[in-house]
Amino acid sequence: MLTTRQMRYLVALAETRHFGRAAELCNVTQPALSTQIKELEHTLGFEIVERIRGATKFTTVGKEVLRRATKIVAETRDLEEFAKQRRGLLVGSLVAGIIPTVAPYLLPLILTEIQRRYPSLNLKLRETQTNVLLQELASGHLDVAIIALPIERTGFTVLPLFDDRFFVAVCAETVKARPARLGPDDIAAERLLLLEEGHCLRDQALSYCDLVSEQNLATLGATSLTTVLEMVAGGFGITLLPELATRGGALDPRIALKRLVSPEPKRKVAMVWRSTTARSKNFEQLGKLIRSCHAKKS
């Protein structure tokens, strides 16, 4: 007999490509997860997963099973959400994802207010890159995500929250030698420091600075803006910095900000959720709160 538990385990295995990590994600032991996958294969009558030393690979028919299982898990999650909504807005558990270039700057603005207004809400947070968030959102592991647009995947409802313009962060010791506003040509002549591949902020910076040569492009393998800014402060290059990261007066005094020529580039921060969910009103309400908190700090 097929079970939704088996479907959840299968989706987790697809996300992690490793039985041990999938078991951790599902809060079960590895033998328990492996047994359920084997029972699923026995029930269906064919192999779903090819077990390779240190990794897993889905068979051709297994990929089709995974596609259907992902849909089942997401719809099961939506049914659970529908039941929660009957108890009122923003109550119970809510698992939200958020990208790393937004999380440390937006969360301090909103978490206290969320707790104050919705004390019955059990908010859990997951911080990682956009592609991972969208994958986990589609599979039902996340309820909602805060990302930077655009997104290429379909099946999501998008609620824009606010625009976040870009500045150029430079070493403060060099700021007087620079023009009042910088353009793509100015940036192309500099050593541009960027986050590792996979971060949407990196892609947005490159789309604006398309004149940057490979020799002037420095990918640090950094996963946080804090690391990049330390390099800027030390005079190793410049970087594009979202305005959200400049608030609160915590910017390192060794760093100065320069405006960009008009039209100033910006990113649009938004909330996204599955279009099939029954909790859209919850997320719209949360979006209003985030907009309000952001506007107060503008």
Protein backbone atom coordinates (compact mmCIF):
# COMPACT_ATOMS: atom_id res chain seq x y z
CA MET A 1 0.00 0.00 0.00
CA LEU A 2 1.34 3.39 -0.98
CA THR A 3 1.63 5.99 1.77
CA THR A 4 2.24 9.74 1.86
CA ARG A 5 5.15 9.03 4.22
CA GLN A 6 6.89 7.09 1.46
CA MET A 7 6.27 9.98 -0.94
CA ARG A 8 7.81 12.48 1.52
CA TYR A 9 10.85 10.28 2.00
CA LEU A 10 11.29 9.91 -1.75
CA VAL A 11 11.12 13.67 -2.32
CA ALA A 12 13.63 14.25 0.49
CA LEU A 13 15.97 11.69 -1.09
CA ALA A 14 15.71 13.53 -4.41
CA GLU A 15 16.58 16.83 -2.75
CA THR A 16 19.59 15.52 -0.85
CA ARG A 17 20.76 12.65 -3.12
CA HIS A 18 21.88 10.88 0.04
CA PHE A 19 19.99 8.47 2.32
CA GLY A 20 21.62 9.79 5.50
CA ARG A 21 20.89 13.45 4.76
CA ALA A 22 17.37 12.61 3.62
CA ALA A 23 16.76 10.82 6.92
CA GLU A 24 17.97 13.90 8.83
CA LEU A 25 15.66 16.10 6.79
CA CYS A 26 12.71 13.86 7.64
CA ASN A 27 13.74 13.43 11.31
CA VAL A 28 13.95 9.63 11.06
CA THR A 29 16.76 7.09 11.12
CA GLN A 30 18.47 6.11 7.90
CA PRO A 31 17.35 2.44 8.13
CA ALA A 32 13.74 3.56 8.60
CA LEU A 33 13.85 5.77 5.52
CA SER A 34 15.63 3.12 3.45
CA THR A 35 13.05 0.50 4.46
CA GLN A 36 10.18 2.75 3.37
CA ILE A 37 11.79 3.38 -0.02
CA LYS A 38 12.29 -0.37 -0.51
CA GLU A 39 8.65 -1.03 0.43
CA LEU A 40 7.57 1.58 -2.10
CA GLU A 41 9.65 -0.16 -4.78
CA HIS A 42 8.18 -3.54 -3.78
CA THR A 43 4.63 -2.21 -3.98
CA LEU A 44 5.19 -0.64 -7.41
CA GLY A 45 7.12 -3.62 -8.69
CA PHE A 46 10.22 -1.89 -10.04
CA GLU A 47 13.40 -0.15 -8.92
CA ILE A 48 13.10 3.60 -8.29
CA VAL A 49 16.54 4.40 -6.93
CA GLU A 50 19.88 3.05 -8.03
CA ARG A 51 22.06 2.80 -4.95
CA ILE A 52 25.59 3.95 -5.74
CA ARG A 53 28.35 4.08 -3.16
CA GLY A 54 28.10 7.48 -1.47
CA ALA A 55 25.23 8.72 -3.64
CA THR A 56 21.90 7.85 -5.26
CA LYS A 57 20.58 8.01 -8.80
CA PHE A 58 16.97 7.80 -9.89
CA THR A 59 16.12 5.29 -12.61
CA THR A 60 14.25 6.44 -15.70
CA VAL A 61 10.92 5.20 -14.36
CA GLY A 62 11.94 6.43 -10.91
CA LYS A 63 12.09 10.00 -12.22
CA GLU A 64 8.45 9.74 -13.28
CA VAL A 65 7.51 8.35 -9.86
CA LEU A 66 9.36 11.25 -8.27
CA ARG A 67 7.49 13.78 -10.39
CA ARG A 68 4.15 12.35 -9.28
CA ALA A 69 5.28 11.98 -5.65
CA THR A 70 6.39 15.63 -5.54
CA LYS A 71 2.92 16.69 -6.66
CA ILE A 72 1.25 14.44 -4.08
CA VAL A 73 3.42 15.77 -1.24
CA ALA A 74 2.70 19.39 -2.20
CA GLU A 75 -1.05 18.80 -2.45
CA THR A 76 -1.07 16.96 0.88
CA ARG A 77 0.68 19.94 2.43
CA ASP A 78 -1.91 22.26 0.88
CA LEU A 79 -4.72 20.19 2.41
CA GLU A 80 -3.09 20.53 5.82
CA GLU A 81 -2.77 24.27 5.24
CA PHE A 82 -6.45 24.50 4.37
CA ALA A 83 -7.33 22.94 7.74
CA LYS A 84 -5.03 25.39 9.54
CA GLN A 85 -6.61 28.36 7.80
CA ARG A 86 -9.99 27.48 9.26
CA ARG A 87 -8.55 28.42 12.67
CA GLY A 88 -7.73 31.97 11.55
CA LEU A 89 -4.97 33.94 9.86
CA LEU A 90 -1.32 33.33 10.74
CA VAL A 91 -1.77 30.67 13.38
CA GLY A 92 -0.04 27.34 13.77
CA SER A 93 3.16 26.42 11.97
CA LEU A 94 4.59 28.38 9.04
CA VAL A 95 7.89 27.43 7.40
CA ALA A 96 9.41 30.36 5.52
CA GLY A 97 12.50 30.45 3.36
CA ILE A 98 14.58 33.56 2.73
CA ILE A 99 17.68 34.32 0.65
CA PRO A 100 20.96 35.12 2.49
CA THR A 101 21.29 38.63 1.02
CA VAL A 102 17.94 39.61 2.54
CA ALA A 103 17.70 37.56 5.74
CA PRO A 104 20.14 39.36 8.10
CA TYR A 105 18.79 42.79 7.17
CA LEU A 106 15.04 42.20 6.89
CA LEU A 107 14.44 39.71 9.72
CA PRO A 108 15.44 42.12 12.53
CA LEU A 109 12.87 44.57 11.15
CA ILE A 110 9.95 42.15 11.12
CA LEU A 111 10.34 39.32 13.65
CA THR A 112 9.43 41.30 16.77
CA GLU A 113 6.35 42.75 15.09
CA ILE A 114 5.27 39.33 13.80
CA GLN A 115 5.56 37.89 17.30
CA ARG A 116 3.65 40.81 18.78
CA ARG A 117 0.76 40.70 16.33
CA TYR A 118 0.53 36.93 15.84
CA PRO A 119 1.59 35.20 19.07
CA SER A 120 -0.04 31.93 17.97
CA LEU A 121 2.16 31.70 14.90
CA ASN A 122 5.03 29.20 15.09
CA LEU A 123 7.41 30.64 12.50
CA LYS A 124 10.32 28.50 11.30
CA LEU A 125 12.99 29.94 9.01
CA ARG A 126 15.22 28.45 6.34
CA GLU A 127 18.00 30.57 4.80
CA THR A 128 19.51 29.42 1.50
CA GLN A 129 19.81 30.25 -2.20
CA THR A 130 16.85 30.96 -4.46
CA ASN A 131 16.92 27.76 -6.51
CA VAL A 132 16.92 25.60 -3.38
CA LEU A 133 14.09 27.62 -1.84
CA LEU A 134 11.92 27.27 -4.95
CA GLN A 135 12.57 23.55 -5.11
CA GLU A 136 11.63 23.09 -1.44
CA LEU A 137 8.61 25.33 -1.90
CA ALA A 138 7.38 23.26 -4.83
CA SER A 139 7.85 20.00 -2.90
CA GLY A 140 5.96 21.29 0.14
CA HIS A 141 8.90 21.55 2.56
CA LEU A 142 8.38 25.32 2.65
CA ASP A 143 5.14 27.28 2.86
CA VAL A 144 6.42 30.60 1.55
CA ALA A 145 9.70 32.19 0.50
CA ILE A 146 11.17 35.69 0.36
CA ILE A 147 13.40 36.09 -2.68
CA ALA A 148 14.54 38.62 -5.27
CA LEU A 149 12.81 38.61 -8.64
CA PRO A 150 12.72 37.43 -11.34
CA ILE A 151 12.04 33.70 -11.06
CA GLU A 152 11.82 31.34 -14.01
CA ARG A 153 9.70 28.57 -12.46
CA THR A 154 5.93 28.50 -12.84
CA GLY A 155 3.22 27.43 -10.40
CA PHE A 156 3.89 30.18 -7.86
CA THR A 157 1.99 33.28 -6.79
CA VAL A 158 4.25 36.32 -6.52
CA LEU A 159 3.65 39.24 -4.15
CA PRO A 160 6.14 42.12 -4.61
CA LEU A 161 7.21 43.64 -1.28
CA PHE A 162 9.61 46.52 -2.01
CA ASP A 163 12.31 47.77 -4.36
CA ASP A 164 15.89 47.60 -3.14
CA ARG A 165 18.27 49.84 -5.09
CA PHE A 166 21.98 49.18 -5.41
CA PHE A 167 24.95 51.21 -4.21
CA VAL A 168 28.63 50.64 -4.90
CA ALA A 169 30.67 49.85 -1.78
CA VAL A 170 34.28 51.07 -2.01
CA CYS A 171 37.21 51.38 0.36
CA ALA A 172 36.71 54.67 2.26
CA GLU A 173 40.32 55.66 1.65
CA THR A 174 39.67 55.84 -2.10
CA VAL A 175 36.27 57.54 -2.12
CA LYS A 176 37.52 61.09 -2.80
CA ALA A 177 39.27 60.01 -5.98
CA ARG A 178 36.06 58.69 -7.50
CA PRO A 179 33.27 60.50 -9.41
CA ALA A 180 30.06 61.46 -7.60
CA ARG A 181 28.17 58.69 -9.36
CA LEU A 182 29.51 55.54 -10.95
CA GLY A 183 28.37 53.84 -14.12
CA PRO A 184 29.07 50.46 -15.76
CA ASP A 185 32.26 51.81 -17.38
CA ASP A 186 33.63 52.90 -13.98
CA ILE A 187 32.86 49.51 -12.47
CA ALA A 188 34.37 47.69 -15.45
CA ALA A 189 37.71 49.35 -14.65
CA GLU A 190 37.65 48.04 -11.07
CA ARG A 191 38.11 44.65 -9.45
CA LEU A 192 34.53 43.57 -8.80
CA LEU A 193 34.07 41.27 -5.81
CA LEU A 194 31.11 38.89 -5.95
CA LEU A 195 29.47 36.10 -3.98
CA GLU A 196 29.83 32.50 -5.12
CA GLU A 197 27.76 31.20 -8.02
CA GLY A 198 24.12 30.46 -7.22
CA HIS A 199 23.42 33.73 -5.41
CA CYS A 200 20.90 35.90 -7.25
CA LEU A 201 22.75 39.04 -6.08
CA ARG A 202 25.77 37.88 -8.09
CA ASP A 203 23.63 37.46 -11.22
CA GLN A 204 22.01 40.87 -10.73
CA ALA A 205 25.41 42.54 -10.35
CA LEU A 206 26.73 40.87 -13.49
CA SER A 207 23.64 41.85 -15.49
CA TYR A 208 24.33 45.52 -14.66
CA CYS A 209 28.10 45.33 -15.01
CA ASP A 210 28.20 43.44 -18.30
CA LEU A 211 31.40 45.23 -19.29
CA VAL A 212 33.44 43.65 -16.52
CA SER A 213 36.31 41.58 -17.94
CA GLU A 214 37.19 38.16 -16.57
CA GLN A 215 40.48 39.44 -15.15
CA ASN A 216 38.65 42.11 -13.13
CA LEU A 217 36.00 39.71 -11.87
CA ALA A 218 36.74 38.14 -8.48
CA THR A 219 34.47 35.33 -7.31
CA LEU A 220 35.42 34.77 -3.70
CA GLY A 221 33.44 31.64 -3.01
CA ALA A 222 31.88 33.70 -0.20
CA THR A 223 28.37 32.89 0.98
CA SER A 224 27.77 36.16 2.83
CA LEU A 225 28.02 39.85 2.09
CA THR A 226 29.94 40.26 5.34
CA THR A 227 32.92 38.42 3.86
CA VAL A 228 32.77 40.42 0.63
CA LEU A 229 32.60 43.70 2.55
CA GLU A 230 35.66 42.76 4.58
CA MET A 231 37.54 42.44 1.30
CA VAL A 232 36.24 45.83 0.16
CA ALA A 233 37.28 47.43 3.45
CA GLY A 234 40.76 46.04 2.94
CA GLY A 235 41.04 47.67 -0.47
CA PHE A 236 40.90 44.49 -2.53
CA GLY A 237 38.06 45.69 -4.77
CA ILE A 238 34.50 47.00 -4.90
CA THR A 239 31.07 45.40 -4.82
CA LEU A 240 27.43 46.19 -5.49
CA LEU A 241 25.50 46.44 -2.24
CA PRO A 242 21.69 46.44 -1.84
CA GLU A 243 20.30 49.39 0.11
CA LEU A 244 18.69 47.01 2.59
CA ALA A 245 22.18 46.04 3.76
CA THR A 246 23.15 49.65 4.45
CA ARG A 247 20.47 50.39 7.04
CA GLY A 248 20.82 50.47 10.79
CA GLY A 249 24.10 52.38 10.90
CA ALA A 250 26.14 49.19 11.16
CA LEU A 251 28.19 49.69 8.00
CA ASP A 252 31.95 49.39 8.56
CA PRO A 253 33.50 52.91 8.69
CA ARG A 254 36.26 51.64 6.40
CA ILE A 255 33.63 51.39 3.65
CA ALA A 256 32.03 54.25 1.72
CA LEU A 257 28.99 54.12 -0.54
CA LYS A 258 28.72 55.64 -4.00
CA ARG A 259 25.51 56.18 -5.95
CA LEU A 260 25.08 54.76 -9.43
CA VAL A 261 24.11 56.79 -12.48
CA SER A 262 20.43 57.03 -13.36
CA PRO A 263 18.46 54.96 -13.86
CA GLU A 264 19.80 53.40 -10.70
CA PRO A 265 19.67 49.59 -10.78
CA LYS A 266 17.53 47.86 -8.20
CA ARG A 267 16.17 44.49 -7.27
CA LYS A 268 12.57 43.70 -6.38
CA VAL A 269 12.15 41.68 -3.19
CA ALA A 270 9.02 39.54 -3.18
CA MET A 271 7.16 36.75 -1.42
CA VAL A 272 6.26 33.63 -3.37
CA TRP A 273 4.10 30.64 -2.57
CA ARG A 274 2.47 27.72 -4.35
CA SER A 275 -0.52 28.84 -6.38
CA THR A 276 -2.44 25.78 -5.14
CA THR A 277 -2.17 26.66 -1.46
CA ALA A 278 -5.21 27.50 0.63
CA ARG A 279 -3.22 29.97 2.74
CA SER A 280 -2.89 32.83 0.26
CA LYS A 281 -4.72 35.23 2.59
CA ASN A 282 -2.20 34.40 5.33
CA PHE A 283 0.71 35.26 3.08
CA GLU A 284 -0.93 38.42 1.80
CA GLN A 285 -1.40 39.52 5.42
CA LEU A 286 2.22 38.73 6.19
CA GLY A 287 3.26 40.68 3.11
CA LYS A 288 1.39 43.75 4.33
CA LEU A 289 3.20 43.56 7.65
CA ILE A 290 6.61 43.25 5.95
CA ARG A 291 5.88 46.23 3.69
CA SER A 292 4.84 48.30 6.70
CA CYS A 293 7.95 47.42 8.72
CA HIS A 294 10.22 48.13 5.77
CA ALA A 295 8.58 51.48 5.05
CA LYS A 296 9.06 52.62 8.66
CA LYS A 297 12.81 52.07 8.34
CA SER A 298 13.12 53.75 4.93
